[in-house]
Amino acid sequence: MGGSSTVTAIESLPLRSADEAFLGCQRAVVVAPHPDDETLGCGGAIALLQQRSIPVHVLVMSDGTQSHPDSKSYPADRLRVQREQETCAALKGLGISEPKVTFFRWPDTAVPGLGDQDFATAVDLCSESLQRCQPSLLFVPWQHDQHCDHRATWQIVQQAVSNWPQPPRQVVYSIWGDRAAGLPALPPGETGWRLDIRAVVAVKRQAVMAHQSQTTDLINDDPSGFRLTPAMLNNLIQPWETYLEVK
């Protein structure tokens, strides 16, 4: 992150209303590395877009099955189904009556990145979906997030839109920042702003809790299993969502 003189506190970033942030947006796509990132990172934006009758499609890259790799009650096939159902339930909670979601089901922690064998295939699949959706606004994970799937997802999306004559506007959300949940400060060299989600923050929190495998003891037979702690949730659910602008 650098020293205090080189970072900007998130709370000091400009606060934009949805009408300001989404001016001219006709269709939006949220690209999520895992089933739950769409809600954790962009749940407020999705709810506000729905209130304005702006269609939202969600692309989920990984199958999410490494959150509880040693569970006997939820082996990979069952966990994948569970996490996809949770994503659809969360999106319904955000106001999408019939969620439009594409699940690519790449292996969790092994979403193909630049140089990997399946990277070209991942780019082609993502490109096909984006071409169908034709978004004017694209939400993508931060390229430096501290999870390999988040960084790989960034790379896939950038390659997928690299040849578009008029690429969609992109805004970037961070889940894991450079150390922990959320982005405590604006990284040097980045520009960003905050979306005011006070009107829908309770809706976002409820939608996040629809991801029961990640927020509760639903899966209780894997001591190493992942769970979003109250501290993580508090960091990720604020009265605003932070977005970085793609240069």
C-alpha atoms as a PDB file:
ATOM      1  CA  MET A   1       0.000   0.000   0.000  1.00  0.00           C
ATOM      2  CA  GLY A   2       2.825   2.413   0.701  1.00  0.00           C
ATOM      3  CA  GLY A   3       3.109   5.039   3.424  1.00  0.00           C
ATOM      4  CA  SER A   4       0.371   7.254   4.740  1.00  0.00           C
ATOM      5  CA  SER A   5       1.420  10.078   2.429  1.00  0.00           C
ATOM      6  CA  THR A   6       0.752   7.954  -0.660  1.00  0.00           C
ATOM      7  CA  VAL A   7      -2.674   6.566   0.167  1.00  0.00           C
ATOM      8  CA  THR A   8      -6.132   8.071   0.321  1.00  0.00           C
ATOM      9  CA  ALA A   9      -8.609   6.949   2.968  1.00  0.00           C
ATOM     10  CA  ILE A  10     -11.684   5.398   1.393  1.00  0.00           C
ATOM     11  CA  GLU A  11     -13.925   7.658   3.485  1.00  0.00           C
ATOM     12  CA  SER A  12     -12.479  10.715   1.739  1.00  0.00           C
ATOM     13  CA  LEU A  13     -13.344   9.529  -1.779  1.00  0.00           C
ATOM     14  CA  PRO A  14     -16.179  11.323  -3.601  1.00  0.00           C
ATOM     15  CA  LEU A  15     -19.632   9.962  -2.769  1.00  0.00           C
ATOM     16  CA  ARG A  16     -21.865   9.514  -5.806  1.00  0.00           C
ATOM     17  CA  SER A  17     -25.560   8.841  -6.025  1.00  0.00           C
ATOM     18  CA  ALA A  18     -26.810   6.001  -8.196  1.00  0.00           C
ATOM     19  CA  ASP A  19     -28.169   8.499 -10.716  1.00  0.00           C
ATOM     20  CA  GLU A  20     -24.703  10.035 -11.054  1.00  0.00           C
ATOM     21  CA  ALA A  21     -22.864   6.715 -11.126  1.00  0.00           C
ATOM     22  CA  PHE A  22     -25.171   4.996 -13.597  1.00  0.00           C
ATOM     23  CA  LEU A  23     -25.826   7.915 -15.940  1.00  0.00           C
ATOM     24  CA  GLY A  24     -26.278   6.541 -19.455  1.00  0.00           C
ATOM     25  CA  CYS A  25     -26.163   2.898 -18.349  1.00  0.00           C
ATOM     26  CA  GLN A  26     -28.525   0.703 -20.325  1.00  0.00           C
ATOM     27  CA  ARG A  27     -27.293  -2.780 -19.367  1.00  0.00           C
ATOM     28  CA  ALA A  28     -24.833  -3.938 -16.721  1.00  0.00           C
ATOM     29  CA  VAL A  29     -22.786  -7.086 -16.211  1.00  0.00           C
ATOM     30  CA  VAL A  30     -21.181  -8.073 -12.912  1.00  0.00           C
ATOM     31  CA  VAL A  31     -18.285 -10.509 -13.246  1.00  0.00           C
ATOM     32  CA  ALA A  32     -17.688 -12.487 -10.049  1.00  0.00           C
ATOM     33  CA  PRO A  33     -14.732 -14.795  -9.397  1.00  0.00           C
ATOM     34  CA  HIS A  34     -16.788 -16.879  -6.914  1.00  0.00           C
ATOM     35  CA  PRO A  35     -20.455 -17.343  -6.072  1.00  0.00           C
ATOM     36  CA  ASP A  36     -20.939 -14.584  -3.451  1.00  0.00           C
ATOM     37  CA  ASP A  37     -18.493 -11.977  -4.795  1.00  0.00           C
ATOM     38  CA  GLU A  38     -21.285 -10.463  -6.875  1.00  0.00           C
ATOM     39  CA  THR A  39     -23.221  -9.659  -3.693  1.00  0.00           C
ATOM     40  CA  LEU A  40     -20.304  -8.805  -1.413  1.00  0.00           C
ATOM     41  CA  GLY A  41     -18.747  -6.467  -3.956  1.00  0.00           C
ATOM     42  CA  CYS A  42     -21.678  -5.076  -5.908  1.00  0.00           C
ATOM     43  CA  GLY A  43     -24.876  -5.970  -4.058  1.00  0.00           C
ATOM     44  CA  GLY A  44     -25.807  -2.353  -3.447  1.00  0.00           C
ATOM     45  CA  ALA A  45     -25.166  -1.422  -7.057  1.00  0.00           C
ATOM     46  CA  ILE A  46     -27.244  -4.352  -8.284  1.00  0.00           C
ATOM     47  CA  ALA A  47     -30.175  -3.354  -6.056  1.00  0.00           C
ATOM     48  CA  LEU A  48     -29.988   0.264  -7.188  1.00  0.00           C
ATOM     49  CA  LEU A  49     -29.748  -0.742 -10.845  1.00  0.00           C
ATOM     50  CA  GLN A  50     -32.850  -2.908 -10.417  1.00  0.00           C
ATOM     51  CA  GLN A  51     -34.733   0.001  -8.887  1.00  0.00           C
ATOM     52  CA  ARG A  52     -33.989   1.894 -12.105  1.00  0.00           C
ATOM     53  CA  SER A  53     -35.087  -1.044 -14.306  1.00  0.00           C
ATOM     54  CA  ILE A  54     -31.564  -1.441 -15.699  1.00  0.00           C
ATOM     55  CA  PRO A  55     -30.957  -5.124 -16.579  1.00  0.00           C
ATOM     56  CA  VAL A  56     -28.122  -6.869 -14.766  1.00  0.00           C
ATOM     57  CA  HIS A  57     -26.472 -10.125 -15.834  1.00  0.00           C
ATOM     58  CA  VAL A  58     -23.990 -11.896 -13.579  1.00  0.00           C
ATOM     59  CA  LEU A  59     -21.071 -14.029 -14.764  1.00  0.00           C
ATOM     60  CA  VAL A  60     -19.542 -16.339 -12.141  1.00  0.00           C
ATOM     61  CA  MET A  61     -16.140 -17.764 -13.019  1.00  0.00           C
ATOM     62  CA  SER A  62     -15.405 -20.497 -10.452  1.00  0.00           C
ATOM     63  CA  ASP A  63     -17.487 -23.285  -8.948  1.00  0.00           C
ATOM     64  CA  GLY A  64     -16.725 -22.202  -5.372  1.00  0.00           C
ATOM     65  CA  THR A  65     -16.066 -25.760  -4.188  1.00  0.00           C
ATOM     66  CA  GLN A  66     -12.805 -25.067  -2.342  1.00  0.00           C
ATOM     67  CA  SER A  67     -14.491 -23.184   0.486  1.00  0.00           C
ATOM     68  CA  HIS A  68     -15.018 -26.518   2.280  1.00  0.00           C
ATOM     69  CA  PRO A  69     -12.739 -29.034   0.541  1.00  0.00           C
ATOM     70  CA  ASP A  70     -12.818 -31.659   3.322  1.00  0.00           C
ATOM     71  CA  SER A  71     -16.556 -31.742   3.949  1.00  0.00           C
ATOM     72  CA  LYS A  72     -18.118 -35.199   3.667  1.00  0.00           C
ATOM     73  CA  SER A  73     -21.686 -33.896   3.815  1.00  0.00           C
ATOM     74  CA  TYR A  74     -21.035 -31.383   1.053  1.00  0.00           C
ATOM     75  CA  PRO A  75     -18.701 -32.987  -1.502  1.00  0.00           C
ATOM     76  CA  ALA A  76     -17.738 -30.828  -4.479  1.00  0.00           C
ATOM     77  CA  ASP A  77     -20.770 -31.636  -6.654  1.00  0.00           C
ATOM     78  CA  ARG A  78     -23.244 -30.872  -3.876  1.00  0.00           C
ATOM     79  CA  LEU A  79     -21.380 -27.766  -2.757  1.00  0.00           C
ATOM     80  CA  ARG A  80     -21.339 -26.403  -6.298  1.00  0.00           C
ATOM     81  CA  VAL A  81     -25.127 -26.757  -6.536  1.00  0.00           C
ATOM     82  CA  GLN A  82     -25.547 -25.195  -3.084  1.00  0.00           C
ATOM     83  CA  ARG A  83     -23.433 -22.183  -3.927  1.00  0.00           C
ATOM     84  CA  GLU A  84     -25.168 -21.597  -7.248  1.00  0.00           C
ATOM     85  CA  GLN A  85     -28.559 -21.750  -5.527  1.00  0.00           C
ATOM     86  CA  GLU A  86     -27.308 -19.255  -2.946  1.00  0.00           C
ATOM     87  CA  THR A  87     -26.229 -16.853  -5.683  1.00  0.00           C
ATOM     88  CA  CYS A  88     -29.653 -16.990  -7.298  1.00  0.00           C
ATOM     89  CA  ALA A  89     -31.351 -16.485  -3.923  1.00  0.00           C
ATOM     90  CA  ALA A  90     -29.116 -13.506  -3.156  1.00  0.00           C
ATOM     91  CA  LEU A  91     -29.872 -11.903  -6.517  1.00  0.00           C
ATOM     92  CA  LYS A  92     -33.586 -12.364  -5.971  1.00  0.00           C
ATOM     93  CA  GLY A  93     -33.140 -10.622  -2.652  1.00  0.00           C
ATOM     94  CA  LEU A  94     -31.500  -7.742  -4.509  1.00  0.00           C
ATOM     95  CA  GLY A  95     -34.564  -7.356  -6.705  1.00  0.00           C
ATOM     96  CA  ILE A  96     -33.876  -9.562  -9.715  1.00  0.00           C
ATOM     97  CA  SER A  97     -37.027 -11.658  -9.983  1.00  0.00           C
ATOM     98  CA  GLU A  98     -35.509 -14.084 -12.486  1.00  0.00           C
ATOM     99  CA  PRO A  99     -31.742 -13.954 -12.015  1.00  0.00           C
ATOM    100  CA  LYS A 100     -29.739 -13.957 -15.199  1.00  0.00           C
ATOM    101  CA  VAL A 101     -26.579 -15.783 -14.206  1.00  0.00           C
ATOM    102  CA  THR A 102     -23.960 -17.646 -16.207  1.00  0.00           C
ATOM    103  CA  PHE A 103     -21.879 -20.132 -14.209  1.00  0.00           C
ATOM    104  CA  PHE A 104     -18.644 -21.037 -15.982  1.00  0.00           C
ATOM    105  CA  ARG A 105     -17.706 -23.563 -13.263  1.00  0.00           C
ATOM    106  CA  TRP A 106     -13.940 -23.284 -13.513  1.00  0.00           C
ATOM    107  CA  PRO A 107     -12.245 -25.062 -10.585  1.00  0.00           C
ATOM    108  CA  ASP A 108     -12.127 -22.921  -7.472  1.00  0.00           C
ATOM    109  CA  THR A 109      -8.561 -21.594  -6.894  1.00  0.00           C
ATOM    110  CA  ALA A 110      -7.708 -22.604 -10.484  1.00  0.00           C
ATOM    111  CA  VAL A 111      -9.538 -20.105 -12.698  1.00  0.00           C
ATOM    112  CA  PRO A 112      -7.252 -19.924 -15.752  1.00  0.00           C
ATOM    113  CA  GLY A 113      -4.968 -16.923 -15.749  1.00  0.00           C
ATOM    114  CA  LEU A 114      -2.708 -15.448 -18.379  1.00  0.00           C
ATOM    115  CA  GLY A 115      -0.347 -18.170 -19.593  1.00  0.00           C
ATOM    116  CA  ASP A 116      -2.444 -21.087 -18.312  1.00  0.00           C
ATOM    117  CA  GLN A 117      -3.534 -23.843 -20.666  1.00  0.00           C
ATOM    118  CA  ASP A 118      -7.245 -23.028 -20.569  1.00  0.00           C
ATOM    119  CA  PHE A 119      -6.892 -19.254 -20.598  1.00  0.00           C
ATOM    120  CA  ALA A 120      -7.887 -18.875 -24.271  1.00  0.00           C
ATOM    121  CA  THR A 121     -10.975 -21.041 -23.712  1.00  0.00           C
ATOM    122  CA  ALA A 122     -11.963 -19.004 -20.667  1.00  0.00           C
ATOM    123  CA  VAL A 123     -11.549 -15.794 -22.678  1.00  0.00           C
ATOM    124  CA  ASP A 124     -13.677 -17.145 -25.525  1.00  0.00           C
ATOM    125  CA  LEU A 125     -16.485 -18.224 -23.180  1.00  0.00           C
ATOM    126  CA  CYS A 126     -16.442 -14.894 -21.363  1.00  0.00           C
ATOM    127  CA  SER A 127     -16.346 -12.980 -24.643  1.00  0.00           C
ATOM    128  CA  GLU A 128     -19.358 -14.881 -25.975  1.00  0.00           C
ATOM    129  CA  SER A 129     -21.378 -14.069 -22.863  1.00  0.00           C
ATOM    130  CA  LEU A 130     -20.397 -10.398 -22.924  1.00  0.00           C
ATOM    131  CA  GLN A 131     -21.229 -10.135 -26.614  1.00  0.00           C
ATOM    132  CA  ARG A 132     -24.694 -11.506 -25.902  1.00  0.00           C
ATOM    133  CA  CYS A 133     -25.253  -9.114 -22.996  1.00  0.00           C
ATOM    134  CA  GLN A 134     -23.729  -6.034 -24.652  1.00  0.00           C
ATOM    135  CA  PRO A 135     -23.208  -4.200 -21.355  1.00  0.00           C
ATOM    136  CA  SER A 136     -22.660  -0.485 -21.223  1.00  0.00           C
ATOM    137  CA  LEU A 137     -21.311  -0.902 -17.670  1.00  0.00           C
ATOM    138  CA  LEU A 138     -19.068  -3.738 -16.547  1.00  0.00           C
ATOM    139  CA  PHE A 139     -18.168  -4.539 -12.919  1.00  0.00           C
ATOM    140  CA  VAL A 140     -14.895  -6.472 -12.590  1.00  0.00           C
ATOM    141  CA  PRO A 141     -12.698  -7.582  -9.651  1.00  0.00           C
ATOM    142  CA  TRP A 142      -9.550  -5.658  -8.840  1.00  0.00           C
ATOM    143  CA  GLN A 143      -6.488  -6.921 -10.685  1.00  0.00           C
ATOM    144  CA  HIS A 144      -4.406  -6.930  -7.478  1.00  0.00           C
ATOM    145  CA  ASP A 145      -6.902  -8.611  -5.131  1.00  0.00           C
ATOM    146  CA  GLN A 146      -5.218 -11.144  -2.854  1.00  0.00           C
ATOM    147  CA  HIS A 147      -6.844 -14.189  -4.408  1.00  0.00           C
ATOM    148  CA  CYS A 148      -5.587 -15.867  -7.561  1.00  0.00           C
ATOM    149  CA  ASP A 149      -9.107 -16.343  -8.990  1.00  0.00           C
ATOM    150  CA  HIS A 150      -9.827 -12.621  -8.682  1.00  0.00           C
ATOM    151  CA  ARG A 151      -6.665 -11.700 -10.544  1.00  0.00           C
ATOM    152  CA  ALA A 152      -7.321 -14.344 -13.211  1.00  0.00           C
ATOM    153  CA  THR A 153     -10.877 -13.073 -13.665  1.00  0.00           C
ATOM    154  CA  TRP A 154      -9.540  -9.571 -14.293  1.00  0.00           C
ATOM    155  CA  GLN A 155      -7.174 -10.948 -16.939  1.00  0.00           C
ATOM    156  CA  ILE A 156      -9.936 -12.924 -18.658  1.00  0.00           C
ATOM    157  CA  VAL A 157     -12.264  -9.933 -18.867  1.00  0.00           C
ATOM    158  CA  GLN A 158      -9.578  -7.561 -20.150  1.00  0.00           C
ATOM    159  CA  GLN A 159      -8.641  -9.988 -22.902  1.00  0.00           C
ATOM    160  CA  ALA A 160     -12.309 -10.620 -23.740  1.00  0.00           C
ATOM    161  CA  VAL A 161     -13.046  -6.948 -24.425  1.00  0.00           C
ATOM    162  CA  SER A 162      -9.636  -5.967 -25.821  1.00  0.00           C
ATOM    163  CA  ASN A 163     -10.825  -6.050 -29.433  1.00  0.00           C
ATOM    164  CA  TRP A 164     -14.191  -4.363 -28.951  1.00  0.00           C
ATOM    165  CA  PRO A 165     -14.403  -1.219 -31.104  1.00  0.00           C
ATOM    166  CA  GLN A 166     -16.237   0.500 -28.228  1.00  0.00           C
ATOM    167  CA  PRO A 167     -15.509  -1.374 -24.979  1.00  0.00           C
ATOM    168  CA  PRO A 168     -17.986  -0.898 -22.128  1.00  0.00           C
ATOM    169  CA  ARG A 169     -17.134   1.349 -19.238  1.00  0.00           C
ATOM    170  CA  GLN A 170     -15.492  -0.696 -16.503  1.00  0.00           C
ATOM    171  CA  VAL A 171     -15.537  -0.129 -12.766  1.00  0.00           C
ATOM    172  CA  VAL A 172     -13.512  -2.248 -10.368  1.00  0.00           C
ATOM    173  CA  TYR A 173     -14.500  -3.630  -6.980  1.00  0.00           C
ATOM    174  CA  SER A 174     -12.202  -5.185  -4.388  1.00  0.00           C
ATOM    175  CA  ILE A 175     -13.124  -8.030  -2.045  1.00  0.00           C
ATOM    176  CA  TRP A 176      -9.780  -8.873  -0.438  1.00  0.00           C
ATOM    177  CA  GLY A 177      -7.797  -5.696  -0.973  1.00  0.00           C
ATOM    178  CA  ASP A 178      -4.092  -6.201  -0.425  1.00  0.00           C
ATOM    179  CA  ARG A 179      -4.346  -7.746   3.045  1.00  0.00           C
ATOM    180  CA  ALA A 180      -7.855  -8.486   4.255  1.00  0.00           C
ATOM    181  CA  ALA A 181     -11.548  -8.071   3.513  1.00  0.00           C
ATOM    182  CA  GLY A 182     -12.376  -4.755   1.944  1.00  0.00           C
ATOM    183  CA  LEU A 183     -10.133  -1.984   0.706  1.00  0.00           C
ATOM    184  CA  PRO A 184      -8.996   0.189   3.634  1.00  0.00           C
ATOM    185  CA  ALA A 185      -7.380   2.846   1.446  1.00  0.00           C
ATOM    186  CA  LEU A 186      -7.080   3.775  -2.201  1.00  0.00           C
ATOM    187  CA  PRO A 187      -3.897   2.159  -3.569  1.00  0.00           C
ATOM    188  CA  PRO A 188      -1.306   4.547  -5.032  1.00  0.00           C
ATOM    189  CA  GLY A 189      -1.935   5.267  -8.693  1.00  0.00           C
ATOM    190  CA  GLU A 190      -5.625   4.345  -8.546  1.00  0.00           C
ATOM    191  CA  THR A 191      -8.613   6.647  -8.856  1.00  0.00           C
ATOM    192  CA  GLY A 192     -11.941   5.845  -7.314  1.00  0.00           C
ATOM    193  CA  TRP A 193     -15.215   6.892  -5.794  1.00  0.00           C
ATOM    194  CA  ARG A 194     -17.920   5.607  -3.476  1.00  0.00           C
ATOM    195  CA  LEU A 195     -21.444   4.636  -4.436  1.00  0.00           C
ATOM    196  CA  ASP A 196     -24.025   5.736  -1.867  1.00  0.00           C
ATOM    197  CA  ILE A 197     -25.989   2.584  -0.993  1.00  0.00           C
ATOM    198  CA  ARG A 198     -27.561   3.752   2.259  1.00  0.00           C
ATOM    199  CA  ALA A 199     -31.035   3.234   0.821  1.00  0.00           C
ATOM    200  CA  VAL A 200     -30.329  -0.453   0.117  1.00  0.00           C
ATOM    201  CA  VAL A 201     -27.598  -1.429   2.586  1.00  0.00           C
ATOM    202  CA  ALA A 202     -30.043  -3.530   4.640  1.00  0.00           C
ATOM    203  CA  VAL A 203     -31.138  -5.265   1.442  1.00  0.00           C
ATOM    204  CA  LYS A 204     -27.508  -5.993   0.605  1.00  0.00           C
ATOM    205  CA  ARG A 205     -26.819  -7.424   4.057  1.00  0.00           C
ATOM    206  CA  GLN A 206     -29.831  -9.724   3.825  1.00  0.00           C
ATOM    207  CA  ALA A 207     -28.752 -10.847   0.345  1.00  0.00           C
ATOM    208  CA  VAL A 208     -25.243 -11.607   1.593  1.00  0.00           C
ATOM    209  CA  MET A 209     -26.734 -13.827   4.277  1.00  0.00           C
ATOM    210  CA  ALA A 210     -28.409 -15.877   1.550  1.00  0.00           C
ATOM    211  CA  HIS A 211     -24.929 -17.312   1.005  1.00  0.00           C
ATOM    212  CA  GLN A 212     -25.480 -19.622   3.959  1.00  0.00           C
ATOM    213  CA  SER A 213     -22.541 -21.899   3.182  1.00  0.00           C
ATOM    214  CA  GLN A 214     -20.237 -18.911   3.635  1.00  0.00           C
ATOM    215  CA  THR A 215     -21.930 -17.075   6.516  1.00  0.00           C
ATOM    216  CA  THR A 216     -23.342 -19.803   8.811  1.00  0.00           C
ATOM    217  CA  ASP A 217     -22.552 -23.259  10.196  1.00  0.00           C
ATOM    218  CA  LEU A 218     -24.523 -24.927   7.415  1.00  0.00           C
ATOM    219  CA  ILE A 219     -21.395 -26.963   6.619  1.00  0.00           C
ATOM    220  CA  ASN A 220     -20.047 -28.004  10.002  1.00  0.00           C
ATOM    221  CA  ASP A 221     -17.873 -31.021   9.209  1.00  0.00           C
ATOM    222  CA  ASP A 222     -14.802 -29.271   7.788  1.00  0.00           C
ATOM    223  CA  PRO A 223     -12.664 -27.591  10.473  1.00  0.00           C
ATOM    224  CA  SER A 224     -10.616 -25.864   7.773  1.00  0.00           C
ATOM    225  CA  GLY A 225     -13.688 -24.606   5.928  1.00  0.00           C
ATOM    226  CA  PHE A 226     -14.073 -20.932   5.070  1.00  0.00           C
ATOM    227  CA  ARG A 227     -16.532 -18.632   6.790  1.00  0.00           C
ATOM    228  CA  LEU A 228     -17.075 -14.909   6.500  1.00  0.00           C
ATOM    229  CA  THR A 229     -16.554 -13.572  10.020  1.00  0.00           C
ATOM    230  CA  PRO A 230     -18.562 -10.677  11.457  1.00  0.00           C
ATOM    231  CA  ALA A 231     -15.489  -8.463  11.065  1.00  0.00           C
ATOM    232  CA  MET A 232     -15.174  -9.376   7.385  1.00  0.00           C
ATOM    233  CA  LEU A 233     -18.859  -8.717   6.818  1.00  0.00           C
ATOM    234  CA  ASN A 234     -18.645  -5.344   8.526  1.00  0.00           C
ATOM    235  CA  ASN A 235     -15.720  -4.393   6.290  1.00  0.00           C
ATOM    236  CA  LEU A 236     -17.543  -5.506   3.155  1.00  0.00           C
ATOM    237  CA  ILE A 237     -20.990  -4.128   3.998  1.00  0.00           C
ATOM    238  CA  GLN A 238     -20.735  -0.377   4.445  1.00  0.00           C
ATOM    239  CA  PRO A 239     -23.180   2.445   3.624  1.00  0.00           C
ATOM    240  CA  TRP A 240     -21.198   2.743   0.402  1.00  0.00           C
ATOM    241  CA  GLU A 241     -19.446   0.541  -2.145  1.00  0.00           C
ATOM    242  CA  THR A 242     -15.995   1.532  -3.341  1.00  0.00           C
ATOM    243  CA  TYR A 243     -15.200   1.432  -7.055  1.00  0.00           C
ATOM    244  CA  LEU A 244     -11.971   2.048  -8.884  1.00  0.00           C
ATOM    245  CA  GLU A 245     -11.959   3.387 -12.433  1.00  0.00           C
ATOM    246  CA  VAL A 246     -10.190   1.421 -15.158  1.00  0.00           C
ATOM    247  CA  LYS A 247      -7.730   3.708 -16.874  1.00  0.00           C
END
